[in-house]
PDB file of N, CA and C in Angstrom:
ATOM      1  N   MET A   1      -9.328   2.257 -16.744  1.00  0.00           N
ATOM      2  CA  MET A   1      -7.921   1.237 -16.564  1.00  0.00           C
ATOM      3  C   MET A   1      -7.186   1.677 -17.550  1.00  0.00           C
ATOM      4  N   PRO A   2      -6.400   1.939 -17.025  1.00  0.00           N
ATOM      5  CA  PRO A   2      -5.115   2.446 -18.290  1.00  0.00           C
ATOM      6  C   PRO A   2      -4.737   0.887 -19.176  1.00  0.00           C
ATOM      7  N   PRO A   3      -4.581   1.598 -20.330  1.00  0.00           N
ATOM      8  CA  PRO A   3      -4.282   0.355 -21.496  1.00  0.00           C
ATOM      9  C   PRO A   3      -2.968  -0.582 -20.590  1.00  0.00           C
ATOM     10  N   SER A   4      -1.914  -0.516 -19.785  1.00  0.00           N
ATOM     11  CA  SER A   4      -1.089  -1.761 -19.533  1.00  0.00           C
ATOM     12  C   SER A   4      -0.980  -1.777 -18.294  1.00  0.00           C
ATOM     13  N   SER A   5      -2.367  -1.879 -17.541  1.00  0.00           N
ATOM     14  CA  SER A   5      -1.839  -2.065 -16.192  1.00  0.00           C
ATOM     15  C   SER A   5      -2.127  -3.523 -15.545  1.00  0.00           C
ATOM     16  N   CYS A   6      -1.441  -3.622 -14.298  1.00  0.00           N
ATOM     17  CA  CYS A   6      -1.518  -4.702 -13.679  1.00  0.00           C
ATOM     18  C   CYS A   6      -2.513  -5.178 -13.550  1.00  0.00           C
ATOM     19  N   LEU A   7      -4.038  -4.423 -13.317  1.00  0.00           N
ATOM     20  CA  LEU A   7      -4.879  -4.841 -13.276  1.00  0.00           C
ATOM     21  C   LEU A   7      -5.723  -5.892 -13.961  1.00  0.00           C
ATOM     22  N   GLN A   8      -5.342  -5.590 -15.490  1.00  0.00           N
ATOM     23  CA  GLN A   8      -5.804  -6.581 -16.832  1.00  0.00           C
ATOM     24  C   GLN A   8      -5.437  -7.967 -16.487  1.00  0.00           C
ATOM     25  N   GLY A   9      -4.237  -8.264 -15.322  1.00  0.00           N
ATOM     26  CA  GLY A   9      -3.626 -10.136 -15.316  1.00  0.00           C
ATOM     27  C   GLY A   9      -4.623 -10.531 -14.901  1.00  0.00           C
ATOM     28  N   ASP A  10      -4.866 -11.776 -14.436  1.00  0.00           N
ATOM     29  CA  ASP A  10      -5.625 -12.910 -14.476  1.00  0.00           C
ATOM     30  C   ASP A  10      -5.686 -13.006 -12.410  1.00  0.00           C
ATOM     31  N   GLY A  11      -6.608 -13.954 -12.363  1.00  0.00           N
ATOM     32  CA  GLY A  11      -6.410 -13.828 -10.860  1.00  0.00           C
ATOM     33  C   GLY A  11      -7.229 -13.413  -9.990  1.00  0.00           C
ATOM     34  N   PRO A  12      -7.902 -13.320  -9.088  1.00  0.00           N
ATOM     35  CA  PRO A  12      -8.591 -12.783  -8.397  1.00  0.00           C
ATOM     36  C   PRO A  12      -8.594 -10.948  -7.962  1.00  0.00           C
ATOM     37  N   LEU A  13      -9.853 -10.162  -8.076  1.00  0.00           N
ATOM     38  CA  LEU A  13      -9.674  -8.819  -8.484  1.00  0.00           C
ATOM     39  C   LEU A  13     -10.445  -8.348  -6.904  1.00  0.00           C
ATOM     40  N   VAL A  14      -9.711  -7.673  -5.950  1.00  0.00           N
ATOM     41  CA  VAL A  14     -10.374  -6.726  -5.122  1.00  0.00           C
ATOM     42  C   VAL A  14     -10.506  -5.652  -4.871  1.00  0.00           C
ATOM     43  N   THR A  15     -11.331  -5.149  -4.847  1.00  0.00           N
ATOM     44  CA  THR A  15     -11.913  -3.295  -4.626  1.00  0.00           C
ATOM     45  C   THR A  15     -11.452  -3.024  -3.420  1.00  0.00           C
ATOM     46  N   VAL A  16     -10.698  -1.724  -3.495  1.00  0.00           N
ATOM     47  CA  VAL A  16     -11.169  -1.165  -1.634  1.00  0.00           C
ATOM     48  C   VAL A  16     -10.859   0.021  -2.525  1.00  0.00           C
ATOM     49  N   GLY A  17     -12.176   0.612  -1.691  1.00  0.00           N
ATOM     50  CA  GLY A  17     -12.472   2.240  -2.082  1.00  0.00           C
ATOM     51  C   GLY A  17     -12.735   3.101  -0.480  1.00  0.00           C
ATOM     52  N   GLY A  18     -12.922   4.402  -1.149  1.00  0.00           N
ATOM     53  CA  GLY A  18     -13.655   5.059  -0.050  1.00  0.00           C
ATOM     54  C   GLY A  18     -12.785   5.572   1.108  1.00  0.00           C
ATOM     55  N   VAL A  19     -13.152   6.095   1.560  1.00  0.00           N
ATOM     56  CA  VAL A  19     -11.789   7.128   2.589  1.00  0.00           C
ATOM     57  C   VAL A  19     -11.889   6.131   3.867  1.00  0.00           C
ATOM     58  N   LYS A  20     -10.461   6.002   4.546  1.00  0.00           N
ATOM     59  CA  LYS A  20      -9.999   4.875   5.744  1.00  0.00           C
ATOM     60  C   LYS A  20      -9.500   6.001   6.819  1.00  0.00           C
ATOM     61  N   ALA A  21     -10.192   5.875   7.724  1.00  0.00           N
ATOM     62  CA  ALA A  21      -9.491   6.748   8.760  1.00  0.00           C
ATOM     63  C   ALA A  21      -8.150   5.805   9.636  1.00  0.00           C
ATOM     64  N   SER A  22      -8.095   4.509   9.108  1.00  0.00           N
ATOM     65  CA  SER A  22      -7.004   3.314   9.851  1.00  0.00           C
ATOM     66  C   SER A  22      -5.706   2.644   8.833  1.00  0.00           C
ATOM     67  N   GLN A  23      -5.491   1.918   9.313  1.00  0.00           N
ATOM     68  CA  GLN A  23      -4.473   1.166   7.733  1.00  0.00           C
ATOM     69  C   GLN A  23      -5.376  -0.055   7.484  1.00  0.00           C
ATOM     70  N   TYR A  24      -4.720  -0.219   6.260  1.00  0.00           N
ATOM     71  CA  TYR A  24      -5.548  -1.548   5.047  1.00  0.00           C
ATOM     72  C   TYR A  24      -4.589  -2.691   5.387  1.00  0.00           C
ATOM     73  N   ARG A  25      -4.748  -3.563   6.144  1.00  0.00           N
ATOM     74  CA  ARG A  25      -4.088  -4.254   6.170  1.00  0.00           C
ATOM     75  C   ARG A  25      -4.479  -6.266   5.549  1.00  0.00           C
ATOM     76  N   ASN A  26      -3.750  -6.727   4.824  1.00  0.00           N
ATOM     77  CA  ASN A  26      -4.165  -7.775   4.190  1.00  0.00           C
ATOM     78  C   ASN A  26      -3.068  -8.868   4.025  1.00  0.00           C
ATOM     79  N   THR A  27      -2.306  -9.931   5.237  1.00  0.00           N
ATOM     80  CA  THR A  27      -1.177 -10.504   4.853  1.00  0.00           C
ATOM     81  C   THR A  27      -1.735 -11.918   4.789  1.00  0.00           C
ATOM     82  N   SER A  28      -2.557 -12.269   3.970  1.00  0.00           N
ATOM     83  CA  SER A  28      -2.768 -13.700   3.405  1.00  0.00           C
ATOM     84  C   SER A  28      -3.260 -14.093   2.124  1.00  0.00           C
ATOM     85  N   LEU A  29      -2.394 -12.559   1.207  1.00  0.00           N
ATOM     86  CA  LEU A  29      -2.915 -12.210  -0.323  1.00  0.00           C
ATOM     87  C   LEU A  29      -2.890 -14.058  -1.069  1.00  0.00           C
ATOM     88  N   ALA A  30      -3.639 -14.185  -1.540  1.00  0.00           N
ATOM     89  CA  ALA A  30      -3.337 -14.893  -2.776  1.00  0.00           C
ATOM     90  C   ALA A  30      -2.442 -14.521  -3.820  1.00  0.00           C
ATOM     91  N   ASP A  31      -1.857 -15.780  -4.909  1.00  0.00           N
ATOM     92  CA  ASP A  31      -0.902 -15.322  -5.831  1.00  0.00           C
ATOM     93  C   ASP A  31      -1.873 -14.765  -7.081  1.00  0.00           C
ATOM     94  N   ASN A  32      -1.365 -14.266  -7.599  1.00  0.00           N
ATOM     95  CA  ASN A  32      -1.772 -13.613  -8.712  1.00  0.00           C
ATOM     96  C   ASN A  32      -2.799 -12.212  -8.377  1.00  0.00           C
ATOM     97  N   ILE A  33      -3.820 -11.844  -6.792  1.00  0.00           N
ATOM     98  CA  ILE A  33      -4.394 -11.063  -6.738  1.00  0.00           C
ATOM     99  C   ILE A  33      -4.017  -9.537  -7.245  1.00  0.00           C
ATOM    100  N   ARG A  34      -5.076  -9.220  -7.412  1.00  0.00           N
ATOM    101  CA  ARG A  34      -5.351  -7.550  -7.774  1.00  0.00           C
ATOM    102  C   ARG A  34      -5.939  -7.032  -7.314  1.00  0.00           C
ATOM    103  N   ILE A  35      -5.197  -5.565  -6.643  1.00  0.00           N
ATOM    104  CA  ILE A  35      -6.045  -4.778  -5.783  1.00  0.00           C
ATOM    105  C   ILE A  35      -6.553  -3.205  -6.521  1.00  0.00           C
ATOM    106  N   ASN A  36      -7.363  -3.543  -6.546  1.00  0.00           N
ATOM    107  CA  ASN A  36      -7.564  -2.081  -7.196  1.00  0.00           C
ATOM    108  C   ASN A  36      -7.985  -0.884  -6.069  1.00  0.00           C
ATOM    109  N   ALA A  37      -7.515  -0.292  -5.506  1.00  0.00           N
ATOM    110  CA  ALA A  37      -7.712   0.643  -4.294  1.00  0.00           C
ATOM    111  C   ALA A  37      -7.529   2.139  -5.615  1.00  0.00           C
ATOM    112  N   SER A  38      -7.955   2.617  -6.339  1.00  0.00           N
ATOM    113  CA  SER A  38      -7.955   3.619  -7.007  1.00  0.00           C
ATOM    114  C   SER A  38      -8.846   4.167  -6.841  1.00  0.00           C
ATOM    115  N   THR A  39      -9.780   4.467  -5.878  1.00  0.00           N
ATOM    116  CA  THR A  39     -10.772   5.263  -5.227  1.00  0.00           C
ATOM    117  C   THR A  39     -10.905   5.596  -3.534  1.00  0.00           C
ATOM    118  N   THR A  40      -9.588   4.700  -3.094  1.00  0.00           N
ATOM    119  CA  THR A  40      -9.470   5.137  -1.518  1.00  0.00           C
ATOM    120  C   THR A  40      -8.215   5.804  -1.128  1.00  0.00           C
ATOM    121  N   GLN A  41      -8.724   6.734  -0.493  1.00  0.00           N
ATOM    122  CA  GLN A  41      -7.739   6.981   0.573  1.00  0.00           C
ATOM    123  C   GLN A  41      -7.638   6.808   2.012  1.00  0.00           C
ATOM    124  N   ILE A  42      -6.672   6.895   2.434  1.00  0.00           N
ATOM    125  CA  ILE A  42      -6.439   6.189   3.541  1.00  0.00           C
ATOM    126  C   ILE A  42      -5.892   7.779   4.289  1.00  0.00           C
ATOM    127  N   LEU A  43      -6.172   8.350   5.500  1.00  0.00           N
ATOM    128  CA  LEU A  43      -5.854   9.381   6.468  1.00  0.00           C
ATOM    129  C   LEU A  43      -6.111   8.552   7.683  1.00  0.00           C
ATOM    130  N   THR A  44      -4.400   8.946   8.161  1.00  0.00           N
ATOM    131  CA  THR A  44      -4.106   7.940   9.089  1.00  0.00           C
ATOM    132  C   THR A  44      -3.043   8.566  10.099  1.00  0.00           C
ATOM    133  N   ALA A  45      -2.739   8.702  11.110  1.00  0.00           N
ATOM    134  CA  ALA A  45      -1.605   8.480  11.810  1.00  0.00           C
ATOM    135  C   ALA A  45      -0.725   7.678  12.606  1.00  0.00           C
ATOM    136  N   ASP A  46      -1.059   6.210  12.094  1.00  0.00           N
ATOM    137  CA  ASP A  46      -0.947   4.495  11.786  1.00  0.00           C
ATOM    138  C   ASP A  46       0.420   4.767  11.776  1.00  0.00           C
ATOM    139  N   LEU A  47       1.646   3.855  11.965  1.00  0.00           N
ATOM    140  CA  LEU A  47       2.828   4.025  11.733  1.00  0.00           C
ATOM    141  C   LEU A  47       3.017   3.278  10.518  1.00  0.00           C
ATOM    142  N   LYS A  48       2.153   2.698   9.403  1.00  0.00           N
ATOM    143  CA  LYS A  48       1.928   1.630   8.198  1.00  0.00           C
ATOM    144  C   LYS A  48       0.788   2.325   7.894  1.00  0.00           C
ATOM    145  N   ALA A  49       0.259   2.668   6.482  1.00  0.00           N
ATOM    146  CA  ALA A  49      -0.754   2.984   6.269  1.00  0.00           C
ATOM    147  C   ALA A  49      -1.376   1.987   5.787  1.00  0.00           C
ATOM    148  N   ILE A  50      -0.486   0.984   5.266  1.00  0.00           N
ATOM    149  CA  ILE A  50      -0.921  -0.572   4.372  1.00  0.00           C
ATOM    150  C   ILE A  50       0.108  -1.174   4.639  1.00  0.00           C
ATOM    151  N   THR A  51      -0.491  -2.624   4.944  1.00  0.00           N
ATOM    152  CA  THR A  51       0.797  -3.807   5.188  1.00  0.00           C
ATOM    153  C   THR A  51      -0.085  -4.807   4.493  1.00  0.00           C
ATOM    154  N   ILE A  52       1.149  -4.998   3.271  1.00  0.00           N
ATOM    155  CA  ILE A  52       0.439  -6.656   2.967  1.00  0.00           C
ATOM    156  C   ILE A  52       1.579  -7.686   2.919  1.00  0.00           C
ATOM    157  N   SER A  53       0.994  -8.834   2.346  1.00  0.00           N
ATOM    158  CA  SER A  53       1.978  -9.993   2.051  1.00  0.00           C
ATOM    159  C   SER A  53       1.214 -10.941   1.436  1.00  0.00           C
ATOM    160  N   GLY A  54       2.164 -11.958   0.993  1.00  0.00           N
ATOM    161  CA  GLY A  54       1.174 -13.210   1.067  1.00  0.00           C
ATOM    162  C   GLY A  54       1.364 -13.671  -0.389  1.00  0.00           C
ATOM    163  N   GLY A  55       1.295 -14.326  -1.302  1.00  0.00           N
ATOM    164  CA  GLY A  55       1.412 -14.967  -2.566  1.00  0.00           C
ATOM    165  C   GLY A  55       2.300 -14.127  -3.755  1.00  0.00           C
ATOM    166  N   SER A  56       2.703 -14.538  -4.778  1.00  0.00           N
ATOM    167  CA  SER A  56       3.501 -13.881  -5.807  1.00  0.00           C
ATOM    168  C   SER A  56       2.262 -13.538  -6.823  1.00  0.00           C
ATOM    169  N   ASN A  57       3.010 -12.234  -7.644  1.00  0.00           N
ATOM    170  CA  ASN A  57       2.611 -11.815  -8.360  1.00  0.00           C
ATOM    171  C   ASN A  57       1.394 -10.796  -8.279  1.00  0.00           C
ATOM    172  N   ILE A  58       1.565 -10.150  -7.142  1.00  0.00           N
ATOM    173  CA  ILE A  58       0.318  -9.335  -6.604  1.00  0.00           C
ATOM    174  C   ILE A  58       0.533  -7.790  -7.375  1.00  0.00           C
ATOM    175  N   CYS A  59      -0.524  -7.468  -7.675  1.00  0.00           N
ATOM    176  CA  CYS A  59      -0.843  -5.969  -8.372  1.00  0.00           C
ATOM    177  C   CYS A  59      -1.810  -5.085  -7.418  1.00  0.00           C
ATOM    178  N   PHE A  60      -0.871  -3.859  -6.853  1.00  0.00           N
ATOM    179  CA  PHE A  60      -1.464  -3.030  -6.042  1.00  0.00           C
ATOM    180  C   PHE A  60      -1.625  -1.433  -6.943  1.00  0.00           C
ATOM    181  N   TYR A  61      -2.792  -1.510  -7.195  1.00  0.00           N
ATOM    182  CA  TYR A  61      -3.149  -0.379  -7.958  1.00  0.00           C
ATOM    183  C   TYR A  61      -4.303   0.477  -7.217  1.00  0.00           C
ATOM    184  N   GLY A  62      -2.943   1.750  -7.523  1.00  0.00           N
ATOM    185  CA  GLY A  62      -3.901   3.172  -6.941  1.00  0.00           C
ATOM    186  C   GLY A  62      -4.034   3.615  -5.694  1.00  0.00           C
ATOM    187  N   GLY A  63      -4.919   4.530  -5.666  1.00  0.00           N
ATOM    188  CA  GLY A  63      -4.845   4.872  -3.663  1.00  0.00           C
ATOM    189  C   GLY A  63      -4.051   5.861  -3.388  1.00  0.00           C
ATOM    190  N   ALA A  64      -4.510   6.989  -2.351  1.00  0.00           N
ATOM    191  CA  ALA A  64      -3.604   7.774  -1.881  1.00  0.00           C
ATOM    192  C   ALA A  64      -3.627   7.951  -0.470  1.00  0.00           C
ATOM    193  N   LEU A  65      -2.427   7.474  -0.143  1.00  0.00           N
ATOM    194  CA  LEU A  65      -2.205   7.597   1.555  1.00  0.00           C
ATOM    195  C   LEU A  65      -1.620   8.795   2.040  1.00  0.00           C
ATOM    196  N   LEU A  66      -2.181   9.568   2.913  1.00  0.00           N
ATOM    197  CA  LEU A  66      -2.322  10.952   3.434  1.00  0.00           C
ATOM    198  C   LEU A  66      -1.900  10.853   4.925  1.00  0.00           C
ATOM    199  N   GLY A  67      -0.557  10.835   4.856  1.00  0.00           N
ATOM    200  CA  GLY A  67      -0.128  10.822   6.346  1.00  0.00           C
ATOM    201  C   GLY A  67      -0.869  12.053   7.266  1.00  0.00           C
ATOM    202  N   GLN A  68      -0.814  11.818   8.657  1.00  0.00           N
ATOM    203  CA  GLN A  68      -1.611  12.391   9.350  1.00  0.00           C
ATOM    204  C   GLN A  68      -0.830  13.439  10.634  1.00  0.00           C
ATOM    205  N   ARG A  69       0.754  13.452  10.256  1.00  0.00           N
ATOM    206  CA  ARG A  69       1.619  14.066  11.078  1.00  0.00           C
ATOM    207  C   ARG A  69       1.745  15.274  11.063  1.00  0.00           C
ATOM    208  N   PRO A  70       2.212  16.438  11.928  1.00  0.00           N
ATOM    209  CA  PRO A  70       2.151  17.759  11.775  1.00  0.00           C
ATOM    210  C   PRO A  70       3.614  17.838  10.966  1.00  0.00           C
ATOM    211  N   PRO A  71       4.113  18.932  10.369  1.00  0.00           N
ATOM    212  CA  PRO A  71       5.405  19.233   9.539  1.00  0.00           C
ATOM    213  C   PRO A  71       6.668  19.504  10.471  1.00  0.00           C
ATOM    214  N   SER A  72       6.426  19.637  11.920  1.00  0.00           N
ATOM    215  CA  SER A  72       7.365  19.924  12.864  1.00  0.00           C
ATOM    216  C   SER A  72       7.714  18.286  13.943  1.00  0.00           C
ATOM    217  N   THR A  73       6.788  16.905  12.977  1.00  0.00           N
ATOM    218  CA  THR A  73       7.176  16.106  13.079  1.00  0.00           C
ATOM    219  C   THR A  73       8.909  15.971  12.885  1.00  0.00           C
ATOM    220  N   ALA A  74       9.520  15.394  14.066  1.00  0.00           N
ATOM    221  CA  ALA A  74      11.117  14.383  13.834  1.00  0.00           C
ATOM    222  C   ALA A  74      11.286  14.056  12.940  1.00  0.00           C
ATOM    223  N   TRP A  75      12.652  13.614  12.144  1.00  0.00           N
ATOM    224  CA  TRP A  75      13.049  13.136  11.474  1.00  0.00           C
ATOM    225  C   TRP A  75      13.042  11.374  12.115  1.00  0.00           C
ATOM    226  N   SER A  76      13.377  11.278  13.166  1.00  0.00           N
ATOM    227  CA  SER A  76      13.726   9.791  13.785  1.00  0.00           C
ATOM    228  C   SER A  76      11.864   9.647  13.873  1.00  0.00           C
ATOM    229  N   THR A  77      11.237  10.144  14.323  1.00  0.00           N
ATOM    230  CA  THR A  77       9.892   9.643  14.077  1.00  0.00           C
ATOM    231  C   THR A  77       9.085   9.745  12.817  1.00  0.00           C
ATOM    232  N   MET A  78       9.320  10.094  12.367  1.00  0.00           N
ATOM    233  CA  MET A  78       8.892  10.050  10.526  1.00  0.00           C
ATOM    234  C   MET A  78       9.932   8.700   9.795  1.00  0.00           C
ATOM    235  N   HIS A  79      10.660   8.540  10.339  1.00  0.00           N
ATOM    236  CA  HIS A  79      11.378   7.754  10.038  1.00  0.00           C
ATOM    237  C   HIS A  79      10.382   6.182  10.144  1.00  0.00           C
ATOM    238  N   GLY A  80       9.985   6.204  11.471  1.00  0.00           N
ATOM    239  CA  GLY A  80       9.398   4.927  11.713  1.00  0.00           C
ATOM    240  C   GLY A  80       7.906   5.091  10.954  1.00  0.00           C
ATOM    241  N   VAL A  81       7.535   5.663  10.163  1.00  0.00           N
ATOM    242  CA  VAL A  81       6.310   5.462   9.635  1.00  0.00           C
ATOM    243  C   VAL A  81       6.484   5.309   8.072  1.00  0.00           C
ATOM    244  N   THR A  82       6.025   4.075   7.591  1.00  0.00           N
ATOM    245  CA  THR A  82       5.299   3.653   6.341  1.00  0.00           C
ATOM    246  C   THR A  82       4.533   3.834   5.736  1.00  0.00           C
ATOM    247  N   GLY A  83       4.690   4.387   4.519  1.00  0.00           N
ATOM    248  CA  GLY A  83       3.046   4.373   3.813  1.00  0.00           C
ATOM    249  C   GLY A  83       2.442   2.807   3.468  1.00  0.00           C
ATOM    250  N   ILE A  84       3.573   2.153   2.895  1.00  0.00           N
ATOM    251  CA  ILE A  84       3.056   0.715   2.237  1.00  0.00           C
ATOM    252  C   ILE A  84       4.114   0.106   2.397  1.00  0.00           C
ATOM    253  N   HIS A  85       3.917  -0.915   3.140  1.00  0.00           N
ATOM    254  CA  HIS A  85       4.984  -1.853   4.335  1.00  0.00           C
ATOM    255  C   HIS A  85       4.751  -3.045   3.859  1.00  0.00           C
ATOM    256  N   VAL A  86       5.493  -4.014   2.926  1.00  0.00           N
ATOM    257  CA  VAL A  86       5.530  -4.720   2.393  1.00  0.00           C
ATOM    258  C   VAL A  86       6.209  -5.687   3.214  1.00  0.00           C
ATOM    259  N   LYS A  87       5.507  -6.758   3.811  1.00  0.00           N
ATOM    260  CA  LYS A  87       6.085  -7.719   4.290  1.00  0.00           C
ATOM    261  C   LYS A  87       7.137  -8.540   4.440  1.00  0.00           C
ATOM    262  N   THR A  88       6.090  -9.969   3.247  1.00  0.00           N
ATOM    263  CA  THR A  88       6.600 -10.673   2.153  1.00  0.00           C
ATOM    264  C   THR A  88       5.875 -10.989   1.112  1.00  0.00           C
ATOM    265  N   VAL A  89       6.475 -11.104   0.404  1.00  0.00           N
ATOM    266  CA  VAL A  89       6.024 -11.228  -0.860  1.00  0.00           C
ATOM    267  C   VAL A  89       7.101 -12.139  -1.977  1.00  0.00           C
ATOM    268  N   LYS A  90       6.093 -13.477  -2.325  1.00  0.00           N
ATOM    269  CA  LYS A  90       6.997 -13.864  -3.136  1.00  0.00           C
ATOM    270  C   LYS A  90       7.276 -13.146  -4.343  1.00  0.00           C
ATOM    271  N   PRO A  91       8.294 -13.512  -5.416  1.00  0.00           N
ATOM    272  CA  PRO A  91       8.269 -12.745  -6.711  1.00  0.00           C
ATOM    273  C   PRO A  91       7.241 -11.952  -7.207  1.00  0.00           C
ATOM    274  N   PHE A  92       7.939 -10.696  -7.342  1.00  0.00           N
ATOM    275  CA  PHE A  92       6.710  -9.615  -8.381  1.00  0.00           C
ATOM    276  C   PHE A  92       6.096  -9.349  -7.728  1.00  0.00           C
ATOM    277  N   LEU A  93       5.945  -7.808  -7.107  1.00  0.00           N
ATOM    278  CA  LEU A  93       4.955  -6.874  -6.832  1.00  0.00           C
ATOM    279  C   LEU A  93       4.687  -5.549  -7.837  1.00  0.00           C
ATOM    280  N   HIS A  94       3.824  -5.719  -8.446  1.00  0.00           N
ATOM    281  CA  HIS A  94       3.828  -4.504  -8.592  1.00  0.00           C
ATOM    282  C   HIS A  94       2.868  -3.437  -8.389  1.00  0.00           C
ATOM    283  N   LEU A  95       3.317  -2.132  -8.314  1.00  0.00           N
ATOM    284  CA  LEU A  95       2.912  -1.053  -7.478  1.00  0.00           C
ATOM    285  C   LEU A  95       2.591  -0.021  -8.786  1.00  0.00           C
ATOM    286  N   GLU A  96       1.260   0.277  -8.466  1.00  0.00           N
ATOM    287  CA  GLU A  96       1.482   1.419  -9.566  1.00  0.00           C
ATOM    288  C   GLU A  96       0.461   2.290  -9.247  1.00  0.00           C
ATOM    289  N   ASN A  97       0.749   3.624  -9.615  1.00  0.00           N
ATOM    290  CA  ASN A  97      -0.141   4.646  -9.807  1.00  0.00           C
ATOM    291  C   ASN A  97      -0.904   4.717  -8.222  1.00  0.00           C
ATOM    292  N   THR A  98      -0.292   4.656  -7.214  1.00  0.00           N
ATOM    293  CA  THR A  98       0.077   5.111  -5.904  1.00  0.00           C
ATOM    294  C   THR A  98       0.545   6.114  -5.139  1.00  0.00           C
ATOM    295  N   ARG A  99      -0.272   7.033  -4.700  1.00  0.00           N
ATOM    296  CA  ARG A  99       0.353   8.313  -3.884  1.00  0.00           C
ATOM    297  C   ARG A  99       0.576   8.343  -2.323  1.00  0.00           C
ATOM    298  N   VAL A 100       1.742   8.416  -1.898  1.00  0.00           N
ATOM    299  CA  VAL A 100       2.280   8.349  -0.867  1.00  0.00           C
ATOM    300  C   VAL A 100       2.822   9.858  -0.367  1.00  0.00           C
ATOM    301  N   PHE A 101       1.931  10.288   0.588  1.00  0.00           N
ATOM    302  CA  PHE A 101       2.036  11.944   1.400  1.00  0.00           C
ATOM    303  C   PHE A 101       2.261  11.822   2.850  1.00  0.00           C
ATOM    304  N   ASP A 102       3.766  12.251   3.376  1.00  0.00           N
ATOM    305  CA  ASP A 102       3.680  12.603   4.630  1.00  0.00           C
ATOM    306  C   ASP A 102       3.888  11.481   5.178  1.00  0.00           C
ATOM    307  N   SER A 103       4.789  10.174   5.133  1.00  0.00           N
ATOM    308  CA  SER A 103       5.159   9.122   4.962  1.00  0.00           C
ATOM    309  C   SER A 103       6.488   9.276   5.182  1.00  0.00           C
ATOM    310  N   GLY A 104       6.935   9.394   6.395  1.00  0.00           N
ATOM    311  CA  GLY A 104       8.886   8.978   6.169  1.00  0.00           C
ATOM    312  C   GLY A 104       9.275   7.984   5.008  1.00  0.00           C
ATOM    313  N   ASP A 105       9.103   7.038   5.214  1.00  0.00           N
ATOM    314  CA  ASP A 105       9.351   5.841   4.337  1.00  0.00           C
ATOM    315  C   ASP A 105       7.951   5.547   3.670  1.00  0.00           C
ATOM    316  N   GLY A 106       8.394   5.910   2.072  1.00  0.00           N
ATOM    317  CA  GLY A 106       7.421   5.448   1.106  1.00  0.00           C
ATOM    318  C   GLY A 106       6.981   4.193   0.944  1.00  0.00           C
ATOM    319  N   VAL A 107       7.901   3.358   0.786  1.00  0.00           N
ATOM    320  CA  VAL A 107       6.924   2.355   0.696  1.00  0.00           C
ATOM    321  C   VAL A 107       8.366   1.059   1.284  1.00  0.00           C
ATOM    322  N   SER A 108       8.169  -0.188   2.322  1.00  0.00           N
ATOM    323  CA  SER A 108       9.022  -0.478   2.632  1.00  0.00           C
ATOM    324  C   SER A 108       9.301  -2.180   2.233  1.00  0.00           C
ATOM    325  N   MET A 109      10.070  -2.547   1.742  1.00  0.00           N
ATOM    326  CA  MET A 109      10.198  -3.687   1.206  1.00  0.00           C
ATOM    327  C   MET A 109      10.844  -4.692   2.672  1.00  0.00           C
ATOM    328  N   ASP A 110      11.089  -4.242   3.752  1.00  0.00           N
ATOM    329  CA  ASP A 110      11.775  -4.844   4.769  1.00  0.00           C
ATOM    330  C   ASP A 110      10.813  -5.820   5.884  1.00  0.00           C
ATOM    331  N   PRO A 111      11.459  -7.158   5.605  1.00  0.00           N
ATOM    332  CA  PRO A 111      10.341  -7.953   6.414  1.00  0.00           C
ATOM    333  C   PRO A 111      10.131  -7.235   7.862  1.00  0.00           C
ATOM    334  N   GLY A 112      10.786  -6.516   8.169  1.00  0.00           N
ATOM    335  CA  GLY A 112      10.437  -6.458  10.081  1.00  0.00           C
ATOM    336  C   GLY A 112      10.267  -4.890   9.953  1.00  0.00           C
ATOM    337  N   GLY A 113       9.450  -4.307   8.969  1.00  0.00           N
ATOM    338  CA  GLY A 113       9.047  -3.233   8.789  1.00  0.00           C
ATOM    339  C   GLY A 113      10.077  -1.989   8.461  1.00  0.00           C
TER     340      GLY A 113
END
């Protein structure tokens, strides 16, 4: 763990690991939750690779989100694809060391997507 990571905080720790072929979705996160996704690869053509929402002071650490769309995909289509969709999070979302590739919108803080 890096010396100044949000993973060092208090609160429940959830570890998400392995290779996933579909989105990760959790829309009822607790306050102060720490999600360690450092060993996760999400390989999906879903419109949203990750959707999270819930409490305050959420830590999301790590992970590689690798979209599966061909390079010829039109921008009008890619703009509807989001790596991490944050629906609603009360104050303080910490997003650390997460990689997003081949996703039109890397991170969306828009409640509608």
